[in-house]
Amino acid sequence: MVLKRKTGQRLIWWFIFSSALMPFLWLTYAAFSQKLGADPAKEIVLETGDWALRLLWLCLAITPVKMLLGWSWLVKYRRMIGLYSFFYVTLHFLSYTTFIVGWQLDVLITEITQRPYAIVGFIAFVLLIPLAVTSTKKMQKRLKKRWLTLHKLVYVIGLLALLHIVWQIRSDFSEALAYGVILCYLLGYRYFKRVSKSKAGVFVKN
């Protein structure tokens, strides 16, 4: 029975790991085979940003799903999904710096200090770094309660990421609206659940 459970957990781990890696593999293949359209550089920047956001939202969705369905086993995979989100954010920043800015430091500084969408995007990226660095069990034990406080930054990061999208839109807000509705639900559910539990005298961990 224990062996079957461990085998099932490994299969789920590999499924999530390979699924989250697939967008990167596809982008790599499409780039080398020239299948990214007329502006491949822009496509890479957009795709890496989109997948960073999707995985961040998926990471935030684990707690509500656990509470609603009782799927506590999902928590085991939250760290991996969060690290994948950081991986795609890093690719997004590097591809933006390479293809859009051309590694011109003065241009990059101008972008991240004067353009609102770049400012909030860069702040979100910087805030993700300590979360990625402290995501190990060793760091969790070392930081103790401070670890929970630090990792609540993910809520701020989610809001900044949403602003990053909204401030780039010129006409069609449908995608940003969808992301916004999902984020409102994910954060709102946590808030109301925490309030209801606190009224009952029970503290709910993140």
N, C-alpha and C. Protein backbone atom coordinates (compact mmCIF):
# COMPACT_ATOMS: atom_id res chain seq x y z
N MET A 1 0.83 -1.20 0.00
CA MET A 1 0.00 0.00 0.00
C MET A 1 0.87 1.26 0.00
N VAL A 2 1.91 1.24 0.86
CA VAL A 2 2.83 2.38 0.95
C VAL A 2 3.59 2.54 -0.36
N LEU A 3 3.99 1.39 -0.96
CA LEU A 3 4.71 1.41 -2.23
C LEU A 3 3.87 2.00 -3.34
N LYS A 4 2.57 1.64 -3.36
CA LYS A 4 1.66 2.18 -4.37
C LYS A 4 1.49 3.68 -4.20
N ARG A 5 1.41 4.14 -2.94
CA ARG A 5 1.25 5.56 -2.68
C ARG A 5 2.48 6.33 -3.15
N LYS A 6 3.67 5.79 -2.87
CA LYS A 6 4.91 6.45 -3.29
C LYS A 6 5.03 6.48 -4.80
N THR A 7 4.63 5.38 -5.44
CA THR A 7 4.67 5.31 -6.90
C THR A 7 3.73 6.34 -7.51
N GLY A 8 2.53 6.45 -6.92
CA GLY A 8 1.55 7.43 -7.40
C GLY A 8 2.06 8.85 -7.25
N GLN A 9 2.71 9.13 -6.11
CA GLN A 9 3.26 10.47 -5.87
C GLN A 9 4.36 10.81 -6.87
N ARG A 10 5.19 9.80 -7.19
CA ARG A 10 6.26 10.02 -8.16
C ARG A 10 5.71 10.28 -9.55
N LEU A 11 4.66 9.53 -9.90
CA LEU A 11 4.04 9.73 -11.22
C LEU A 11 3.44 11.12 -11.34
N ILE A 12 2.76 11.57 -10.26
CA ILE A 12 2.19 12.91 -10.25
C ILE A 12 3.30 13.95 -10.34
N TRP A 13 4.40 13.74 -9.60
CA TRP A 13 5.53 14.67 -9.62
C TRP A 13 6.09 14.80 -11.03
N TRP A 14 6.32 13.67 -11.68
CA TRP A 14 6.88 13.70 -13.03
C TRP A 14 5.90 14.30 -14.04
N PHE A 15 4.61 14.08 -13.82
CA PHE A 15 3.60 14.65 -14.72
C PHE A 15 3.62 16.17 -14.63
N ILE A 16 3.62 16.69 -13.40
CA ILE A 16 3.64 18.15 -13.21
C ILE A 16 4.95 18.73 -13.71
N PHE A 17 6.05 18.06 -13.39
CA PHE A 17 7.38 18.54 -13.81
C PHE A 17 7.48 18.63 -15.33
N SER A 18 7.08 17.55 -16.02
CA SER A 18 7.18 17.53 -17.48
C SER A 18 6.17 18.47 -18.14
N SER A 19 4.98 18.59 -17.55
CA SER A 19 3.96 19.50 -18.10
C SER A 19 4.41 20.95 -18.03
N ALA A 20 5.01 21.32 -16.90
CA ALA A 20 5.48 22.70 -16.72
C ALA A 20 6.70 22.99 -17.60
N LEU A 21 7.45 21.96 -17.95
CA LEU A 21 8.63 22.15 -18.78
C LEU A 21 8.29 22.23 -20.27
N MET A 22 7.15 21.67 -20.65
CA MET A 22 6.78 21.59 -22.06
C MET A 22 6.76 22.94 -22.79
N PRO A 23 6.20 24.01 -22.20
CA PRO A 23 6.22 25.31 -22.91
C PRO A 23 7.63 25.77 -23.27
N PHE A 24 8.58 25.54 -22.38
CA PHE A 24 9.98 25.91 -22.66
C PHE A 24 10.54 25.08 -23.80
N LEU A 25 10.27 23.78 -23.76
CA LEU A 25 10.77 22.90 -24.83
C LEU A 25 10.15 23.27 -26.17
N TRP A 26 8.85 23.60 -26.15
CA TRP A 26 8.18 23.99 -27.39
C TRP A 26 8.74 25.30 -27.93
N LEU A 27 8.95 26.28 -27.06
CA LEU A 27 9.52 27.55 -27.49
C LEU A 27 10.91 27.37 -28.08
N THR A 28 11.70 26.51 -27.44
CA THR A 28 13.05 26.25 -27.94
C THR A 28 12.99 25.62 -29.33
N TYR A 29 12.13 24.61 -29.47
CA TYR A 29 11.98 23.94 -30.77
C TYR A 29 11.45 24.92 -31.83
N ALA A 30 10.40 25.68 -31.46
CA ALA A 30 9.79 26.61 -32.41
C ALA A 30 10.76 27.71 -32.83
N ALA A 31 11.61 28.14 -31.91
CA ALA A 31 12.58 29.19 -32.23
C ALA A 31 13.60 28.70 -33.24
N PHE A 32 14.12 27.50 -33.02
CA PHE A 32 15.14 26.95 -33.92
C PHE A 32 14.56 26.51 -35.26
N SER A 33 13.28 26.16 -35.26
CA SER A 33 12.64 25.73 -36.51
C SER A 33 11.87 26.86 -37.19
N GLN A 34 12.03 28.08 -36.64
CA GLN A 34 11.43 29.29 -37.22
C GLN A 34 9.90 29.18 -37.34
N LYS A 35 9.26 28.81 -36.25
CA LYS A 35 7.81 28.65 -36.23
C LYS A 35 7.14 29.63 -35.26
N LEU A 36 7.81 30.72 -34.97
CA LEU A 36 7.27 31.70 -34.02
C LEU A 36 6.69 32.94 -34.70
N GLY A 37 6.45 32.86 -36.00
CA GLY A 37 5.81 33.96 -36.69
C GLY A 37 6.77 35.04 -37.15
N ALA A 38 6.19 36.19 -37.49
CA ALA A 38 6.97 37.28 -38.07
C ALA A 38 7.89 37.95 -37.06
N ASP A 39 7.51 37.91 -35.77
CA ASP A 39 8.32 38.55 -34.74
C ASP A 39 8.62 37.54 -33.62
N PRO A 40 9.56 36.61 -33.86
CA PRO A 40 9.85 35.56 -32.88
C PRO A 40 10.33 36.08 -31.52
N ALA A 41 11.09 37.18 -31.55
CA ALA A 41 11.59 37.74 -30.29
C ALA A 41 10.44 38.18 -29.39
N LYS A 42 9.49 38.88 -29.96
CA LYS A 42 8.32 39.33 -29.21
C LYS A 42 7.50 38.14 -28.71
N GLU A 43 7.39 37.11 -29.53
CA GLU A 43 6.62 35.92 -29.16
C GLU A 43 7.26 35.22 -27.96
N ILE A 44 8.58 35.14 -27.95
CA ILE A 44 9.27 34.51 -26.82
C ILE A 44 9.04 35.30 -25.54
N VAL A 45 9.14 36.63 -25.63
CA VAL A 45 8.92 37.48 -24.46
C VAL A 45 7.50 37.30 -23.93
N LEU A 46 6.52 37.30 -24.82
CA LEU A 46 5.12 37.17 -24.42
C LEU A 46 4.82 35.79 -23.83
N GLU A 47 5.31 34.75 -24.49
CA GLU A 47 5.02 33.38 -24.05
C GLU A 47 5.63 33.08 -22.69
N THR A 48 6.88 33.48 -22.48
CA THR A 48 7.51 33.22 -21.19
C THR A 48 6.79 34.00 -20.07
N GLY A 49 6.35 35.21 -20.38
CA GLY A 49 5.58 35.98 -19.40
C GLY A 49 4.24 35.36 -19.08
N ASP A 50 3.56 34.88 -20.12
CA ASP A 50 2.25 34.24 -19.93
C ASP A 50 2.36 32.99 -19.07
N TRP A 51 3.37 32.18 -19.34
CA TRP A 51 3.51 30.93 -18.57
C TRP A 51 3.96 31.20 -17.14
N ALA A 52 4.73 32.24 -16.93
CA ALA A 52 5.10 32.62 -15.57
C ALA A 52 3.85 32.97 -14.77
N LEU A 53 2.95 33.72 -15.42
CA LEU A 53 1.71 34.14 -14.76
C LEU A 53 0.77 32.96 -14.51
N ARG A 54 0.62 32.11 -15.51
CA ARG A 54 -0.26 30.94 -15.36
C ARG A 54 0.19 30.04 -14.22
N LEU A 55 1.48 29.80 -14.14
CA LEU A 55 2.00 28.93 -13.08
C LEU A 55 1.92 29.60 -11.71
N LEU A 56 2.06 30.92 -11.68
CA LEU A 56 1.89 31.64 -10.41
C LEU A 56 0.46 31.54 -9.93
N TRP A 57 -0.49 31.70 -10.85
CA TRP A 57 -1.91 31.56 -10.51
C TRP A 57 -2.21 30.12 -10.06
N LEU A 58 -1.61 29.16 -10.72
CA LEU A 58 -1.80 27.75 -10.35
C LEU A 58 -1.26 27.49 -8.96
N CYS A 59 -0.13 28.09 -8.66
CA CYS A 59 0.46 27.96 -7.32
C CYS A 59 -0.47 28.55 -6.26
N LEU A 60 -1.05 29.70 -6.56
CA LEU A 60 -1.99 30.35 -5.64
C LEU A 60 -3.29 29.56 -5.50
N ALA A 61 -3.62 28.77 -6.51
CA ALA A 61 -4.88 28.02 -6.50
C ALA A 61 -4.83 26.78 -5.62
N ILE A 62 -3.63 26.35 -5.26
CA ILE A 62 -3.50 25.09 -4.51
C ILE A 62 -4.19 25.14 -3.16
N THR A 63 -4.00 26.25 -2.42
CA THR A 63 -4.63 26.35 -1.09
C THR A 63 -6.16 26.34 -1.17
N PRO A 64 -6.79 27.15 -2.03
CA PRO A 64 -8.25 27.06 -2.14
C PRO A 64 -8.76 25.68 -2.57
N VAL A 65 -8.05 25.05 -3.49
CA VAL A 65 -8.46 23.70 -3.93
C VAL A 65 -8.33 22.72 -2.77
N LYS A 66 -7.26 22.85 -2.00
CA LYS A 66 -7.08 21.98 -0.83
C LYS A 66 -8.21 22.16 0.17
N MET A 67 -8.60 23.42 0.40
CA MET A 67 -9.67 23.71 1.36
C MET A 67 -11.03 23.24 0.86
N LEU A 68 -11.28 23.44 -0.44
CA LEU A 68 -12.59 23.10 -1.00
C LEU A 68 -12.77 21.59 -1.19
N LEU A 69 -11.73 20.93 -1.67
CA LEU A 69 -11.84 19.51 -2.02
C LEU A 69 -11.12 18.57 -1.06
N GLY A 70 -10.35 19.16 -0.14
CA GLY A 70 -9.62 18.32 0.81
C GLY A 70 -8.42 17.62 0.20
N TRP A 71 -7.90 18.16 -0.90
CA TRP A 71 -6.75 17.55 -1.58
C TRP A 71 -5.45 18.07 -0.98
N SER A 72 -5.13 17.62 0.21
CA SER A 72 -3.92 18.08 0.90
C SER A 72 -2.64 17.67 0.18
N TRP A 73 -2.71 16.60 -0.60
CA TRP A 73 -1.53 16.10 -1.31
C TRP A 73 -1.00 17.10 -2.34
N LEU A 74 -1.86 18.03 -2.77
CA LEU A 74 -1.43 19.02 -3.76
C LEU A 74 -0.33 19.94 -3.22
N VAL A 75 -0.34 20.16 -1.90
CA VAL A 75 0.63 21.07 -1.29
C VAL A 75 2.06 20.62 -1.55
N LYS A 76 2.26 19.31 -1.70
CA LYS A 76 3.61 18.77 -1.93
C LYS A 76 4.22 19.29 -3.23
N TYR A 77 3.37 19.71 -4.16
CA TYR A 77 3.85 20.11 -5.48
C TYR A 77 3.84 21.63 -5.68
N ARG A 78 3.44 22.36 -4.63
CA ARG A 78 3.37 23.82 -4.75
C ARG A 78 4.75 24.43 -4.94
N ARG A 79 5.74 23.90 -4.23
CA ARG A 79 7.10 24.43 -4.35
C ARG A 79 7.61 24.31 -5.78
N MET A 80 7.40 23.14 -6.39
CA MET A 80 7.88 22.93 -7.75
C MET A 80 7.19 23.88 -8.73
N ILE A 81 5.88 24.06 -8.58
CA ILE A 81 5.14 24.95 -9.47
C ILE A 81 5.61 26.39 -9.29
N GLY A 82 5.84 26.78 -8.04
CA GLY A 82 6.33 28.12 -7.76
C GLY A 82 7.71 28.36 -8.36
N LEU A 83 8.58 27.37 -8.27
CA LEU A 83 9.92 27.50 -8.85
C LEU A 83 9.86 27.55 -10.38
N TYR A 84 8.92 26.83 -10.95
CA TYR A 84 8.75 26.90 -12.40
C TYR A 84 8.27 28.29 -12.81
N SER A 85 7.39 28.88 -12.00
CA SER A 85 6.94 30.24 -12.28
C SER A 85 8.12 31.19 -12.26
N PHE A 86 9.00 31.04 -11.27
CA PHE A 86 10.21 31.87 -11.19
C PHE A 86 11.12 31.62 -12.39
N PHE A 87 11.20 30.38 -12.82
CA PHE A 87 12.00 30.01 -13.99
C PHE A 87 11.53 30.76 -15.23
N TYR A 88 10.20 30.78 -15.44
CA TYR A 88 9.66 31.47 -16.62
C TYR A 88 9.74 32.99 -16.48
N VAL A 89 9.62 33.50 -15.26
CA VAL A 89 9.80 34.94 -15.05
C VAL A 89 11.22 35.35 -15.40
N THR A 90 12.18 34.52 -14.97
CA THR A 90 13.58 34.79 -15.29
C THR A 90 13.82 34.78 -16.79
N LEU A 91 13.25 33.78 -17.47
CA LEU A 91 13.35 33.72 -18.93
C LEU A 91 12.69 34.94 -19.58
N HIS A 92 11.56 35.35 -19.02
CA HIS A 92 10.84 36.52 -19.53
C HIS A 92 11.72 37.77 -19.42
N PHE A 93 12.34 37.95 -18.27
CA PHE A 93 13.20 39.12 -18.06
C PHE A 93 14.43 39.06 -18.97
N LEU A 94 15.05 37.89 -19.06
CA LEU A 94 16.25 37.75 -19.88
C LEU A 94 15.95 37.93 -21.38
N SER A 95 14.80 37.39 -21.81
CA SER A 95 14.45 37.54 -23.22
C SER A 95 14.09 38.99 -23.54
N TYR A 96 13.42 39.65 -22.60
CA TYR A 96 13.10 41.08 -22.76
C TYR A 96 14.40 41.90 -22.83
N THR A 97 15.31 41.60 -21.92
CA THR A 97 16.58 42.33 -21.88
C THR A 97 17.41 42.07 -23.13
N THR A 98 17.33 40.84 -23.66
CA THR A 98 18.12 40.47 -24.83
C THR A 98 17.51 40.98 -26.13
N PHE A 99 16.22 40.66 -26.34
CA PHE A 99 15.60 40.93 -27.64
C PHE A 99 15.01 42.33 -27.78
N ILE A 100 14.51 42.88 -26.68
CA ILE A 100 13.87 44.20 -26.74
C ILE A 100 14.86 45.31 -26.40
N VAL A 101 15.60 45.13 -25.33
CA VAL A 101 16.52 46.16 -24.86
C VAL A 101 17.90 46.02 -25.51
N GLY A 102 18.26 44.78 -25.87
CA GLY A 102 19.57 44.55 -26.49
C GLY A 102 20.73 44.70 -25.52
N TRP A 103 20.47 44.43 -24.23
CA TRP A 103 21.48 44.52 -23.18
C TRP A 103 22.12 45.91 -23.09
N GLN A 104 21.36 46.92 -23.42
CA GLN A 104 21.82 48.30 -23.25
C GLN A 104 21.38 48.76 -21.86
N LEU A 105 22.34 48.88 -20.97
CA LEU A 105 22.06 49.17 -19.57
C LEU A 105 21.28 50.46 -19.39
N ASP A 106 21.65 51.49 -20.14
CA ASP A 106 20.97 52.77 -19.99
C ASP A 106 19.50 52.67 -20.41
N VAL A 107 19.25 51.89 -21.47
CA VAL A 107 17.87 51.69 -21.93
C VAL A 107 17.08 50.89 -20.91
N LEU A 108 17.72 49.85 -20.34
CA LEU A 108 17.06 49.01 -19.34
C LEU A 108 16.69 49.83 -18.11
N ILE A 109 17.61 50.66 -17.64
CA ILE A 109 17.35 51.50 -16.46
C ILE A 109 16.20 52.47 -16.75
N THR A 110 16.19 53.02 -17.95
CA THR A 110 15.10 53.93 -18.33
C THR A 110 13.76 53.20 -18.31
N GLU A 111 13.76 51.96 -18.85
CA GLU A 111 12.53 51.18 -18.91
C GLU A 111 11.97 50.90 -17.52
N ILE A 112 12.84 50.41 -16.62
CA ILE A 112 12.36 49.97 -15.30
C ILE A 112 12.22 51.11 -14.29
N THR A 113 12.46 52.33 -14.73
CA THR A 113 12.27 53.47 -13.83
C THR A 113 11.24 54.47 -14.35
N GLN A 114 10.86 54.35 -15.62
CA GLN A 114 9.94 55.32 -16.20
C GLN A 114 8.65 54.72 -16.76
N ARG A 115 8.70 53.48 -17.19
CA ARG A 115 7.49 52.85 -17.74
C ARG A 115 6.77 52.07 -16.65
N PRO A 116 5.53 52.44 -16.33
CA PRO A 116 4.80 51.79 -15.23
C PRO A 116 4.75 50.26 -15.33
N TYR A 117 4.46 49.71 -16.52
CA TYR A 117 4.35 48.26 -16.65
C TYR A 117 5.70 47.58 -16.37
N ALA A 118 6.81 48.23 -16.78
CA ALA A 118 8.13 47.67 -16.54
C ALA A 118 8.53 47.80 -15.07
N ILE A 119 8.11 48.88 -14.44
CA ILE A 119 8.43 49.10 -13.03
C ILE A 119 7.81 48.01 -12.17
N VAL A 120 6.48 47.79 -12.32
CA VAL A 120 5.81 46.78 -11.48
C VAL A 120 6.28 45.38 -11.85
N GLY A 121 6.57 45.15 -13.13
CA GLY A 121 7.06 43.85 -13.55
C GLY A 121 8.41 43.54 -12.94
N PHE A 122 9.30 44.53 -12.92
CA PHE A 122 10.63 44.33 -12.35
C PHE A 122 10.56 44.14 -10.84
N ILE A 123 9.69 44.90 -10.18
CA ILE A 123 9.52 44.74 -8.73
C ILE A 123 9.02 43.33 -8.41
N ALA A 124 8.06 42.84 -9.19
CA ALA A 124 7.53 41.49 -8.99
C ALA A 124 8.64 40.45 -9.15
N PHE A 125 9.48 40.64 -10.16
CA PHE A 125 10.60 39.72 -10.40
C PHE A 125 11.57 39.73 -9.23
N VAL A 126 11.91 40.91 -8.73
CA VAL A 126 12.84 41.03 -7.61
C VAL A 126 12.27 40.39 -6.35
N LEU A 127 10.97 40.58 -6.12
CA LEU A 127 10.33 40.00 -4.93
C LEU A 127 10.26 38.48 -5.01
N LEU A 128 10.24 37.94 -6.21
CA LEU A 128 10.20 36.49 -6.37
C LEU A 128 11.53 35.82 -6.02
N ILE A 129 12.61 36.57 -6.12
CA ILE A 129 13.93 35.99 -5.88
C ILE A 129 14.08 35.43 -4.46
N PRO A 130 13.76 36.21 -3.40
CA PRO A 130 13.88 35.64 -2.05
C PRO A 130 12.93 34.47 -1.82
N LEU A 131 11.79 34.45 -2.48
CA LEU A 131 10.87 33.32 -2.33
C LEU A 131 11.47 32.06 -2.94
N ALA A 132 12.12 32.20 -4.09
CA ALA A 132 12.77 31.06 -4.73
C ALA A 132 13.95 30.56 -3.90
N VAL A 133 14.74 31.50 -3.37
CA VAL A 133 15.92 31.14 -2.59
C VAL A 133 15.54 30.43 -1.30
N THR A 134 14.44 30.84 -0.68
CA THR A 134 14.02 30.27 0.62
C THR A 134 12.95 29.20 0.48
N SER A 135 12.83 28.61 -0.70
CA SER A 135 11.76 27.63 -0.92
C SER A 135 12.08 26.23 -0.41
N THR A 136 13.33 26.00 0.01
CA THR A 136 13.73 24.66 0.47
C THR A 136 13.22 24.38 1.88
N LYS A 137 13.14 23.11 2.22
CA LYS A 137 12.71 22.71 3.56
C LYS A 137 13.70 23.17 4.62
N LYS A 138 14.98 23.19 4.26
CA LYS A 138 16.01 23.64 5.18
C LYS A 138 15.81 25.10 5.58
N MET A 139 15.49 25.95 4.56
CA MET A 139 15.24 27.36 4.82
C MET A 139 13.95 27.55 5.59
N GLN A 140 12.97 26.71 5.32
CA GLN A 140 11.70 26.79 6.02
C GLN A 140 11.90 26.52 7.52
N LYS A 141 12.72 25.53 7.83
CA LYS A 141 13.00 25.21 9.23
C LYS A 141 13.82 26.32 9.89
N ARG A 142 14.74 26.90 9.13
CA ARG A 142 15.61 27.93 9.69
C ARG A 142 14.84 29.22 9.98
N LEU A 143 13.97 29.59 9.06
CA LEU A 143 13.23 30.85 9.21
C LEU A 143 12.00 30.72 10.11
N LYS A 144 11.45 29.50 10.20
CA LYS A 144 10.28 29.22 11.03
C LYS A 144 9.09 30.13 10.66
N LYS A 145 8.57 30.89 11.62
CA LYS A 145 7.40 31.73 11.36
C LYS A 145 7.70 32.83 10.35
N ARG A 146 8.94 33.27 10.31
CA ARG A 146 9.31 34.32 9.36
C ARG A 146 9.18 33.83 7.91
N TRP A 147 9.30 32.52 7.73
CA TRP A 147 9.16 31.95 6.39
C TRP A 147 7.75 32.18 5.86
N LEU A 148 6.76 31.94 6.70
CA LEU A 148 5.36 32.16 6.31
C LEU A 148 5.10 33.63 5.98
N THR A 149 5.66 34.51 6.82
CA THR A 149 5.50 35.94 6.58
C THR A 149 6.14 36.35 5.26
N LEU A 150 7.35 35.86 5.01
CA LEU A 150 8.07 36.19 3.78
C LEU A 150 7.30 35.71 2.55
N HIS A 151 6.78 34.50 2.62
CA HIS A 151 6.13 33.92 1.44
C HIS A 151 4.73 34.46 1.18
N LYS A 152 4.24 35.29 2.10
CA LYS A 152 2.99 36.00 1.82
C LYS A 152 3.21 37.10 0.77
N LEU A 153 4.46 37.37 0.45
CA LEU A 153 4.77 38.32 -0.62
C LEU A 153 4.19 37.87 -1.96
N VAL A 154 3.89 36.58 -2.07
CA VAL A 154 3.33 36.07 -3.32
C VAL A 154 2.02 36.76 -3.67
N TYR A 155 1.27 37.22 -2.67
CA TYR A 155 0.02 37.93 -2.92
C TYR A 155 0.31 39.29 -3.57
N VAL A 156 1.30 39.98 -3.04
CA VAL A 156 1.71 41.26 -3.62
C VAL A 156 2.24 41.05 -5.03
N ILE A 157 3.02 40.00 -5.21
CA ILE A 157 3.58 39.68 -6.52
C ILE A 157 2.47 39.42 -7.54
N GLY A 158 1.43 38.71 -7.10
CA GLY A 158 0.30 38.45 -7.98
C GLY A 158 -0.38 39.73 -8.45
N LEU A 159 -0.58 40.66 -7.54
CA LEU A 159 -1.19 41.95 -7.89
C LEU A 159 -0.30 42.77 -8.82
N LEU A 160 1.00 42.75 -8.55
CA LEU A 160 1.95 43.47 -9.41
C LEU A 160 1.98 42.86 -10.81
N ALA A 161 1.92 41.53 -10.88
CA ALA A 161 1.93 40.85 -12.17
C ALA A 161 0.69 41.21 -12.98
N LEU A 162 -0.45 41.32 -12.29
CA LEU A 162 -1.68 41.70 -12.98
C LEU A 162 -1.58 43.13 -13.52
N LEU A 163 -1.02 44.04 -12.72
CA LEU A 163 -0.82 45.42 -13.18
C LEU A 163 0.14 45.46 -14.37
N HIS A 164 1.14 44.60 -14.33
CA HIS A 164 2.12 44.52 -15.42
C HIS A 164 1.43 44.23 -16.74
N ILE A 165 0.39 43.38 -16.69
CA ILE A 165 -0.36 43.05 -17.91
C ILE A 165 -1.28 44.20 -18.30
N VAL A 166 -2.04 44.68 -17.32
CA VAL A 166 -3.05 45.72 -17.59
C VAL A 166 -2.43 46.96 -18.20
N TRP A 167 -1.27 47.37 -17.68
CA TRP A 167 -0.65 48.61 -18.15
C TRP A 167 0.00 48.48 -19.53
N GLN A 168 -0.03 47.28 -20.10
CA GLN A 168 0.49 47.11 -21.46
C GLN A 168 -0.62 47.03 -22.49
N ILE A 169 -1.86 46.90 -22.01
CA ILE A 169 -2.99 46.70 -22.93
C ILE A 169 -3.42 48.02 -23.56
N ARG A 170 -3.72 47.95 -24.85
CA ARG A 170 -4.17 49.14 -25.57
C ARG A 170 -5.61 49.02 -26.03
N SER A 171 -6.10 47.80 -26.21
CA SER A 171 -7.47 47.67 -26.72
C SER A 171 -8.25 46.54 -26.04
N ASP A 172 -7.80 45.30 -26.18
CA ASP A 172 -8.55 44.15 -25.70
C ASP A 172 -8.16 43.80 -24.25
N PHE A 173 -9.09 44.02 -23.32
CA PHE A 173 -8.84 43.76 -21.90
C PHE A 173 -9.39 42.40 -21.45
N SER A 174 -9.88 41.60 -22.37
CA SER A 174 -10.54 40.35 -22.01
C SER A 174 -9.62 39.38 -21.26
N GLU A 175 -8.39 39.24 -21.74
CA GLU A 175 -7.45 38.32 -21.09
C GLU A 175 -7.08 38.82 -19.70
N ALA A 176 -6.79 40.11 -19.59
CA ALA A 176 -6.45 40.69 -18.29
C ALA A 176 -7.63 40.59 -17.32
N LEU A 177 -8.84 40.75 -17.84
CA LEU A 177 -10.03 40.63 -17.00
C LEU A 177 -10.17 39.22 -16.46
N ALA A 178 -9.90 38.23 -17.30
CA ALA A 178 -9.97 36.84 -16.87
C ALA A 178 -8.95 36.56 -15.76
N TYR A 179 -7.72 37.03 -15.98
CA TYR A 179 -6.69 36.86 -14.96
C TYR A 179 -7.08 37.59 -13.67
N GLY A 180 -7.66 38.77 -13.81
CA GLY A 180 -8.06 39.55 -12.65
C GLY A 180 -9.16 38.89 -11.84
N VAL A 181 -10.14 38.34 -12.53
CA VAL A 181 -11.25 37.64 -11.85
C VAL A 181 -10.73 36.44 -11.09
N ILE A 182 -9.84 35.68 -11.72
CA ILE A 182 -9.27 34.50 -11.07
C ILE A 182 -8.47 34.90 -9.84
N LEU A 183 -7.65 35.95 -9.97
CA LEU A 183 -6.84 36.39 -8.84
C LEU A 183 -7.71 36.91 -7.70
N CYS A 184 -8.76 37.65 -8.03
CA CYS A 184 -9.69 38.15 -7.00
C CYS A 184 -10.32 37.00 -6.24
N TYR A 185 -10.67 35.94 -6.95
CA TYR A 185 -11.26 34.77 -6.28
C TYR A 185 -10.24 34.09 -5.38
N LEU A 186 -9.02 33.87 -5.90
CA LEU A 186 -7.98 33.17 -5.15
C LEU A 186 -7.60 33.92 -3.88
N LEU A 187 -7.48 35.23 -3.97
CA LEU A 187 -7.13 36.03 -2.80
C LEU A 187 -8.34 36.26 -1.90
N GLY A 188 -9.50 36.49 -2.54
CA GLY A 188 -10.71 36.71 -1.77
C GLY A 188 -11.13 35.50 -0.96
N TYR A 189 -10.97 34.33 -1.53
CA TYR A 189 -11.32 33.09 -0.82
C TYR A 189 -10.46 32.95 0.43
N ARG A 190 -9.16 33.22 0.28
CA ARG A 190 -8.26 33.15 1.44
C ARG A 190 -8.70 34.12 2.53
N TYR A 191 -9.03 35.35 2.11
CA TYR A 191 -9.39 36.39 3.08
C TYR A 191 -10.64 36.01 3.86
N PHE A 192 -11.69 35.64 3.15
CA PHE A 192 -12.94 35.32 3.84
C PHE A 192 -12.83 34.04 4.66
N LYS A 193 -12.03 33.10 4.20
CA LYS A 193 -11.84 31.87 4.97
C LYS A 193 -11.08 32.18 6.25
N ARG A 194 -10.07 33.04 6.14
CA ARG A 194 -9.28 33.41 7.31
C ARG A 194 -10.13 34.19 8.32
N VAL A 195 -10.97 35.10 7.81
CA VAL A 195 -11.83 35.89 8.69
C VAL A 195 -12.83 34.99 9.42
N SER A 196 -13.43 34.06 8.69
CA SER A 196 -14.42 33.17 9.31
C SER A 196 -13.78 32.25 10.34
N LYS A 197 -12.56 31.81 10.06
CA LYS A 197 -11.87 30.93 11.00
C LYS A 197 -11.41 31.71 12.23
N SER A 198 -10.97 32.94 12.02
CA SER A 198 -10.51 33.76 13.16
C SER A 198 -11.66 34.06 14.09
N LYS A 199 -12.84 34.25 13.50
CA LYS A 199 -14.03 34.49 14.34
C LYS A 199 -14.37 33.28 15.16
N ALA A 200 -14.04 32.12 14.61
CA ALA A 200 -14.31 30.87 15.33
C ALA A 200 -13.15 30.53 16.28
N GLY A 201 -12.10 31.39 16.25
CA GLY A 201 -10.97 31.16 17.16
C GLY A 201 -9.97 30.18 16.63
N VAL A 202 -9.97 29.97 15.32
CA VAL A 202 -9.04 29.00 14.73
C VAL A 202 -8.13 29.73 13.76
N PHE A 203 -6.84 29.56 13.89
CA PHE A 203 -5.88 30.17 12.96
C PHE A 203 -5.62 29.23 11.81
N VAL A 204 -5.76 29.76 10.60
CA VAL A 204 -5.54 28.96 9.40
C VAL A 204 -4.21 29.34 8.78
N LYS A 205 -3.37 28.39 8.61
CA LYS A 205 -2.08 28.65 7.98
C LYS A 205 -2.27 28.90 6.50
N ASN A 206 -1.31 29.60 5.89
CA ASN A 206 -1.36 29.93 4.44
C ASN A 206 -1.36 28.68 3.59
